[in-house]
PDB file of N, CA and C in Angstrom:
ATOM      1  N   MET A   1       0.845  -1.183   0.000  1.00  0.00           N
ATOM      2  CA  MET A   1       0.000   0.000   0.000  1.00  0.00           C
ATOM      3  C   MET A   1       0.885   1.239   0.000  1.00  0.00           C
ATOM      4  N   ASP A   2       0.570   2.159  -0.877  1.00  0.00           N
ATOM      5  CA  ASP A   2       1.314   3.414  -0.857  1.00  0.00           C
ATOM      6  C   ASP A   2       0.726   4.332   0.225  1.00  0.00           C
ATOM      7  N   PRO A   3       1.451   5.378   0.603  1.00  0.00           N
ATOM      8  CA  PRO A   3       0.988   6.252   1.688  1.00  0.00           C
ATOM      9  C   PRO A   3      -0.396   6.870   1.442  1.00  0.00           C
ATOM     10  N   ASN A   4      -0.692   7.237   0.207  1.00  0.00           N
ATOM     11  CA  ASN A   4      -2.006   7.820  -0.087  1.00  0.00           C
ATOM     12  C   ASN A   4      -3.120   6.807   0.125  1.00  0.00           C
ATOM     13  N   GLU A   5      -2.889   5.576  -0.271  1.00  0.00           N
ATOM     14  CA  GLU A   5      -3.868   4.507  -0.073  1.00  0.00           C
ATOM     15  C   GLU A   5      -4.060   4.235   1.418  1.00  0.00           C
ATOM     16  N   CYS A   6      -2.974   4.209   2.163  1.00  0.00           N
ATOM     17  CA  CYS A   6      -3.062   4.009   3.616  1.00  0.00           C
ATOM     18  C   CYS A   6      -3.902   5.106   4.255  1.00  0.00           C
ATOM     19  N   TRP A   7      -3.638   6.356   3.891  1.00  0.00           N
ATOM     20  CA  TRP A   7      -4.383   7.470   4.478  1.00  0.00           C
ATOM     21  C   TRP A   7      -5.856   7.385   4.103  1.00  0.00           C
ATOM     22  N   ARG A   8      -6.161   7.046   2.846  1.00  0.00           N
ATOM     23  CA  ARG A   8      -7.550   6.948   2.403  1.00  0.00           C
ATOM     24  C   ARG A   8      -8.293   5.898   3.224  1.00  0.00           C
ATOM     25  N   ARG A   9      -7.671   4.745   3.415  1.00  0.00           N
ATOM     26  CA  ARG A   9      -8.306   3.678   4.195  1.00  0.00           C
ATOM     27  C   ARG A   9      -8.463   4.074   5.664  1.00  0.00           C
ATOM     28  N   PHE A  10      -7.462   4.757   6.198  1.00  0.00           N
ATOM     29  CA  PHE A  10      -7.514   5.240   7.582  1.00  0.00           C
ATOM     30  C   PHE A  10      -8.696   6.195   7.751  1.00  0.00           C
ATOM     31  N   GLU A  11      -8.810   7.141   6.815  1.00  0.00           N
ATOM     32  CA  GLU A  11      -9.882   8.125   6.886  1.00  0.00           C
ATOM     33  C   GLU A  11     -11.252   7.468   6.715  1.00  0.00           C
ATOM     34  N   GLU A  12     -11.373   6.511   5.812  1.00  0.00           N
ATOM     35  CA  GLU A  12     -12.631   5.781   5.627  1.00  0.00           C
ATOM     36  C   GLU A  12     -13.026   5.057   6.916  1.00  0.00           C
ATOM     37  N   ALA A  13     -12.063   4.446   7.563  1.00  0.00           N
ATOM     38  CA  ALA A  13     -12.339   3.725   8.810  1.00  0.00           C
ATOM     39  C   ALA A  13     -12.826   4.681   9.892  1.00  0.00           C
ATOM     40  N   ALA A  14     -12.197   5.842   9.984  1.00  0.00           N
ATOM     41  CA  ALA A  14     -12.600   6.829  10.992  1.00  0.00           C
ATOM     42  C   ALA A  14     -14.012   7.331  10.726  1.00  0.00           C
ATOM     43  N   ARG A  15     -14.302   7.653   9.494  1.00  0.00           N
ATOM     44  CA  ARG A  15     -15.635   8.167   9.155  1.00  0.00           C
ATOM     45  C   ARG A  15     -16.702   7.090   9.334  1.00  0.00           C
ATOM     46  N   ALA A  16     -16.356   5.845   9.037  1.00  0.00           N
ATOM     47  CA  ALA A  16     -17.298   4.742   9.246  1.00  0.00           C
ATOM     48  C   ALA A  16     -17.595   4.575  10.732  1.00  0.00           C
ATOM     49  N   ALA A  17     -16.576   4.728  11.562  1.00  0.00           N
ATOM     50  CA  ALA A  17     -16.780   4.621  13.011  1.00  0.00           C
ATOM     51  C   ALA A  17     -17.717   5.723  13.497  1.00  0.00           C
ATOM     52  N   LEU A  18     -17.551   6.919  12.956  1.00  0.00           N
ATOM     53  CA  LEU A  18     -18.440   8.020  13.325  1.00  0.00           C
ATOM     54  C   LEU A  18     -19.876   7.734  12.901  1.00  0.00           C
ATOM     55  N   ALA A  19     -20.029   7.052  11.780  1.00  0.00           N
ATOM     56  CA  ALA A  19     -21.364   6.735  11.265  1.00  0.00           C
ATOM     57  C   ALA A  19     -21.974   5.531  11.971  1.00  0.00           C
ATOM     58  N   GLY A  20     -21.203   4.907  12.860  1.00  0.00           N
ATOM     59  CA  GLY A  20     -21.721   3.760  13.598  1.00  0.00           C
ATOM     60  C   GLY A  20     -21.516   2.429  12.906  1.00  0.00           C
ATOM     61  N   ILE A  21     -20.646   2.409  11.909  1.00  0.00           N
ATOM     62  CA  ILE A  21     -20.357   1.163  11.200  1.00  0.00           C
ATOM     63  C   ILE A  21     -19.064   0.600  11.789  1.00  0.00           C
ATOM     64  N   GLY A  22     -19.175  -0.151  12.856  1.00  0.00           N
ATOM     65  CA  GLY A  22     -18.011  -0.597  13.611  1.00  0.00           C
ATOM     66  C   GLY A  22     -17.116  -1.591  12.919  1.00  0.00           C
ATOM     67  N   SER A  23     -17.649  -2.364  11.976  1.00  0.00           N
ATOM     68  CA  SER A  23     -16.831  -3.412  11.375  1.00  0.00           C
ATOM     69  C   SER A  23     -15.765  -2.858  10.439  1.00  0.00           C
ATOM     70  N   VAL A  24     -15.986  -1.680   9.873  1.00  0.00           N
ATOM     71  CA  VAL A  24     -15.002  -1.126   8.946  1.00  0.00           C
ATOM     72  C   VAL A  24     -13.690  -0.812   9.655  1.00  0.00           C
ATOM     73  N   PRO A  25     -13.713  -0.108  10.820  1.00  0.00           N
ATOM     74  CA  PRO A  25     -12.443   0.118  11.519  1.00  0.00           C
ATOM     75  C   PRO A  25     -11.767  -1.189  11.938  1.00  0.00           C
ATOM     76  N   ARG A  26     -12.548  -2.176  12.366  1.00  0.00           N
ATOM     77  CA  ARG A  26     -11.949  -3.460  12.743  1.00  0.00           C
ATOM     78  C   ARG A  26     -11.315  -4.137  11.536  1.00  0.00           C
ATOM     79  N   ALA A  27     -11.979  -4.065  10.390  1.00  0.00           N
ATOM     80  CA  ALA A  27     -11.430  -4.668   9.171  1.00  0.00           C
ATOM     81  C   ALA A  27     -10.143  -3.951   8.758  1.00  0.00           C
ATOM     82  N   TYR A  28     -10.145  -2.624   8.868  1.00  0.00           N
ATOM     83  CA  TYR A  28      -8.950  -1.848   8.542  1.00  0.00           C
ATOM     84  C   TYR A  28      -7.793  -2.248   9.450  1.00  0.00           C
ATOM     85  N   LEU A  29      -8.055  -2.303  10.758  1.00  0.00           N
ATOM     86  CA  LEU A  29      -6.996  -2.647  11.711  1.00  0.00           C
ATOM     87  C   LEU A  29      -6.518  -4.081  11.516  1.00  0.00           C
ATOM     88  N   ALA A  30      -7.415  -4.982  11.157  1.00  0.00           N
ATOM     89  CA  ALA A  30      -7.013  -6.367  10.888  1.00  0.00           C
ATOM     90  C   ALA A  30      -6.101  -6.427   9.670  1.00  0.00           C
ATOM     91  N   ALA A  31      -6.416  -5.641   8.645  1.00  0.00           N
ATOM     92  CA  ALA A  31      -5.569  -5.603   7.448  1.00  0.00           C
ATOM     93  C   ALA A  31      -4.190  -5.038   7.781  1.00  0.00           C
ATOM     94  N   VAL A  32      -4.151  -3.991   8.602  1.00  0.00           N
ATOM     95  CA  VAL A  32      -2.866  -3.413   9.019  1.00  0.00           C
ATOM     96  C   VAL A  32      -2.075  -4.446   9.816  1.00  0.00           C
ATOM     97  N   ARG A  33      -2.753  -5.148  10.716  1.00  0.00           N
ATOM     98  CA  ARG A  33      -2.085  -6.158  11.548  1.00  0.00           C
ATOM     99  C   ARG A  33      -1.479  -7.267  10.677  1.00  0.00           C
ATOM    100  N   ARG A  34      -2.255  -7.739   9.703  1.00  0.00           N
ATOM    101  CA  ARG A  34      -1.746  -8.800   8.815  1.00  0.00           C
ATOM    102  C   ARG A  34      -0.542  -8.325   8.011  1.00  0.00           C
ATOM    103  N   ARG A  35      -0.610  -7.094   7.531  1.00  0.00           N
ATOM    104  CA  ARG A  35       0.444  -6.605   6.642  1.00  0.00           C
ATOM    105  C   ARG A  35       1.682  -6.106   7.392  1.00  0.00           C
ATOM    106  N   PHE A  36       1.473  -5.430   8.527  1.00  0.00           N
ATOM    107  CA  PHE A  36       2.588  -4.755   9.190  1.00  0.00           C
ATOM    108  C   PHE A  36       2.890  -5.243  10.599  1.00  0.00           C
ATOM    109  N   GLY A  37       2.025  -6.049  11.191  1.00  0.00           N
ATOM    110  CA  GLY A  37       2.278  -6.592  12.518  1.00  0.00           C
ATOM    111  C   GLY A  37       1.511  -5.880  13.622  1.00  0.00           C
ATOM    112  N   ASP A  38       1.593  -6.478  14.810  1.00  0.00           N
ATOM    113  CA  ASP A  38       0.819  -6.006  15.960  1.00  0.00           C
ATOM    114  C   ASP A  38       1.213  -4.612  16.435  1.00  0.00           C
ATOM    115  N   GLU A  39       2.498  -4.321  16.439  1.00  0.00           N
ATOM    116  CA  GLU A  39       2.960  -3.026  16.952  1.00  0.00           C
ATOM    117  C   GLU A  39       2.413  -1.871  16.115  1.00  0.00           C
ATOM    118  N   ILE A  40       2.500  -1.996  14.805  1.00  0.00           N
ATOM    119  CA  ILE A  40       1.989  -0.948  13.914  1.00  0.00           C
ATOM    120  C   ILE A  40       0.471  -0.857  14.033  1.00  0.00           C
ATOM    121  N   ALA A  41      -0.202  -2.003  14.124  1.00  0.00           N
ATOM    122  CA  ALA A  41      -1.665  -2.005  14.251  1.00  0.00           C
ATOM    123  C   ALA A  41      -2.098  -1.319  15.542  1.00  0.00           C
ATOM    124  N   ALA A  42      -1.381  -1.552  16.632  1.00  0.00           N
ATOM    125  CA  ALA A  42      -1.711  -0.906  17.903  1.00  0.00           C
ATOM    126  C   ALA A  42      -1.535   0.610  17.789  1.00  0.00           C
ATOM    127  N   ARG A  43      -0.475   1.030  17.129  1.00  0.00           N
ATOM    128  CA  ARG A  43      -0.239   2.461  16.933  1.00  0.00           C
ATOM    129  C   ARG A  43      -1.343   3.066  16.064  1.00  0.00           C
ATOM    130  N   GLN A  44      -1.723   2.345  15.009  1.00  0.00           N
ATOM    131  CA  GLN A  44      -2.789   2.825  14.135  1.00  0.00           C
ATOM    132  C   GLN A  44      -4.120   2.921  14.879  1.00  0.00           C
ATOM    133  N   GLU A  45      -4.374   1.971  15.773  1.00  0.00           N
ATOM    134  CA  GLU A  45      -5.618   2.014  16.541  1.00  0.00           C
ATOM    135  C   GLU A  45      -5.663   3.259  17.423  1.00  0.00           C
ATOM    136  N   LYS A  46      -4.549   3.588  18.071  1.00  0.00           N
ATOM    137  CA  LYS A  46      -4.481   4.797  18.903  1.00  0.00           C
ATOM    138  C   LYS A  46      -4.710   6.043  18.049  1.00  0.00           C
ATOM    139  N   GLU A  47      -4.043   6.084  16.891  1.00  0.00           N
ATOM    140  CA  GLU A  47      -4.177   7.234  16.002  1.00  0.00           C
ATOM    141  C   GLU A  47      -5.593   7.330  15.450  1.00  0.00           C
ATOM    142  N   LEU A  48      -6.185   6.181  15.149  1.00  0.00           N
ATOM    143  CA  LEU A  48      -7.550   6.160  14.635  1.00  0.00           C
ATOM    144  C   LEU A  48      -8.527   6.692  15.680  1.00  0.00           C
ATOM    145  N   ARG A  49      -8.362   6.261  16.928  1.00  0.00           N
ATOM    146  CA  ARG A  49      -9.233   6.755  18.007  1.00  0.00           C
ATOM    147  C   ARG A  49      -9.075   8.272  18.185  1.00  0.00           C
ATOM    148  N   ALA A  50      -7.848   8.755  18.114  1.00  0.00           N
ATOM    149  CA  ALA A  50      -7.599  10.195  18.251  1.00  0.00           C
ATOM    150  C   ALA A  50      -8.221  10.964  17.084  1.00  0.00           C
ATOM    151  N   TYR A  51      -8.104  10.415  15.889  1.00  0.00           N
ATOM    152  CA  TYR A  51      -8.666  11.078  14.708  1.00  0.00           C
ATOM    153  C   TYR A  51     -10.197  11.092  14.767  1.00  0.00           C
ATOM    154  N   ILE A  52     -10.792  10.002  15.240  1.00  0.00           N
ATOM    155  CA  ILE A  52     -12.248   9.946  15.391  1.00  0.00           C
ATOM    156  C   ILE A  52     -12.701  11.006  16.396  1.00  0.00           C
ATOM    157  N   ALA A  53     -11.979  11.127  17.502  1.00  0.00           N
ATOM    158  CA  ALA A  53     -12.303  12.151  18.501  1.00  0.00           C
ATOM    159  C   ALA A  53     -12.189  13.547  17.893  1.00  0.00           C
ATOM    160  N   HIS A  54     -11.164  13.757  17.081  1.00  0.00           N
ATOM    161  CA  HIS A  54     -10.973  15.041  16.404  1.00  0.00           C
ATOM    162  C   HIS A  54     -12.151  15.333  15.471  1.00  0.00           C
ATOM    163  N   LEU A  55     -12.575  14.336  14.701  1.00  0.00           N
ATOM    164  CA  LEU A  55     -13.702  14.535  13.790  1.00  0.00           C
ATOM    165  C   LEU A  55     -14.991  14.823  14.558  1.00  0.00           C
ATOM    166  N   ARG A  56     -15.163  14.169  15.693  1.00  0.00           N
ATOM    167  CA  ARG A  56     -16.353  14.425  16.520  1.00  0.00           C
ATOM    168  C   ARG A  56     -16.353  15.872  17.011  1.00  0.00           C
ATOM    169  N   GLU A  57     -15.202  16.334  17.498  1.00  0.00           N
ATOM    170  CA  GLU A  57     -15.087  17.714  17.986  1.00  0.00           C
ATOM    171  C   GLU A  57     -15.347  18.697  16.851  1.00  0.00           C
ATOM    172  N   LYS A  58     -14.774  18.411  15.704  1.00  0.00           N
ATOM    173  CA  LYS A  58     -14.906  19.279  14.542  1.00  0.00           C
ATOM    174  C   LYS A  58     -16.367  19.371  14.093  1.00  0.00           C
ATOM    175  N   GLY A  59     -17.106  18.268  14.259  1.00  0.00           N
ATOM    176  CA  GLY A  59     -18.495  18.221  13.837  1.00  0.00           C
ATOM    177  C   GLY A  59     -19.456  18.952  14.754  1.00  0.00           C
ATOM    178  N   LYS A  60     -19.005  19.315  15.941  1.00  0.00           N
ATOM    179  CA  LYS A  60     -19.894  19.983  16.912  1.00  0.00           C
ATOM    180  C   LYS A  60     -20.123  21.418  16.544  1.00  0.00           C
TER     181      LYS A  60
END
């Protein structure tokens, strides 16, 4: 995956979580875990949660 593709998938997962579609973020994190390992997936999960919180704040 190139960086633009990674960012697009990350953003899709965050927006899906905001919309209440929980399986998309889990699928994204599972794909990251398979491709890059547990450490990167854990970091992505933290960043994803922070980005979701940011989008929620921005939407208020």
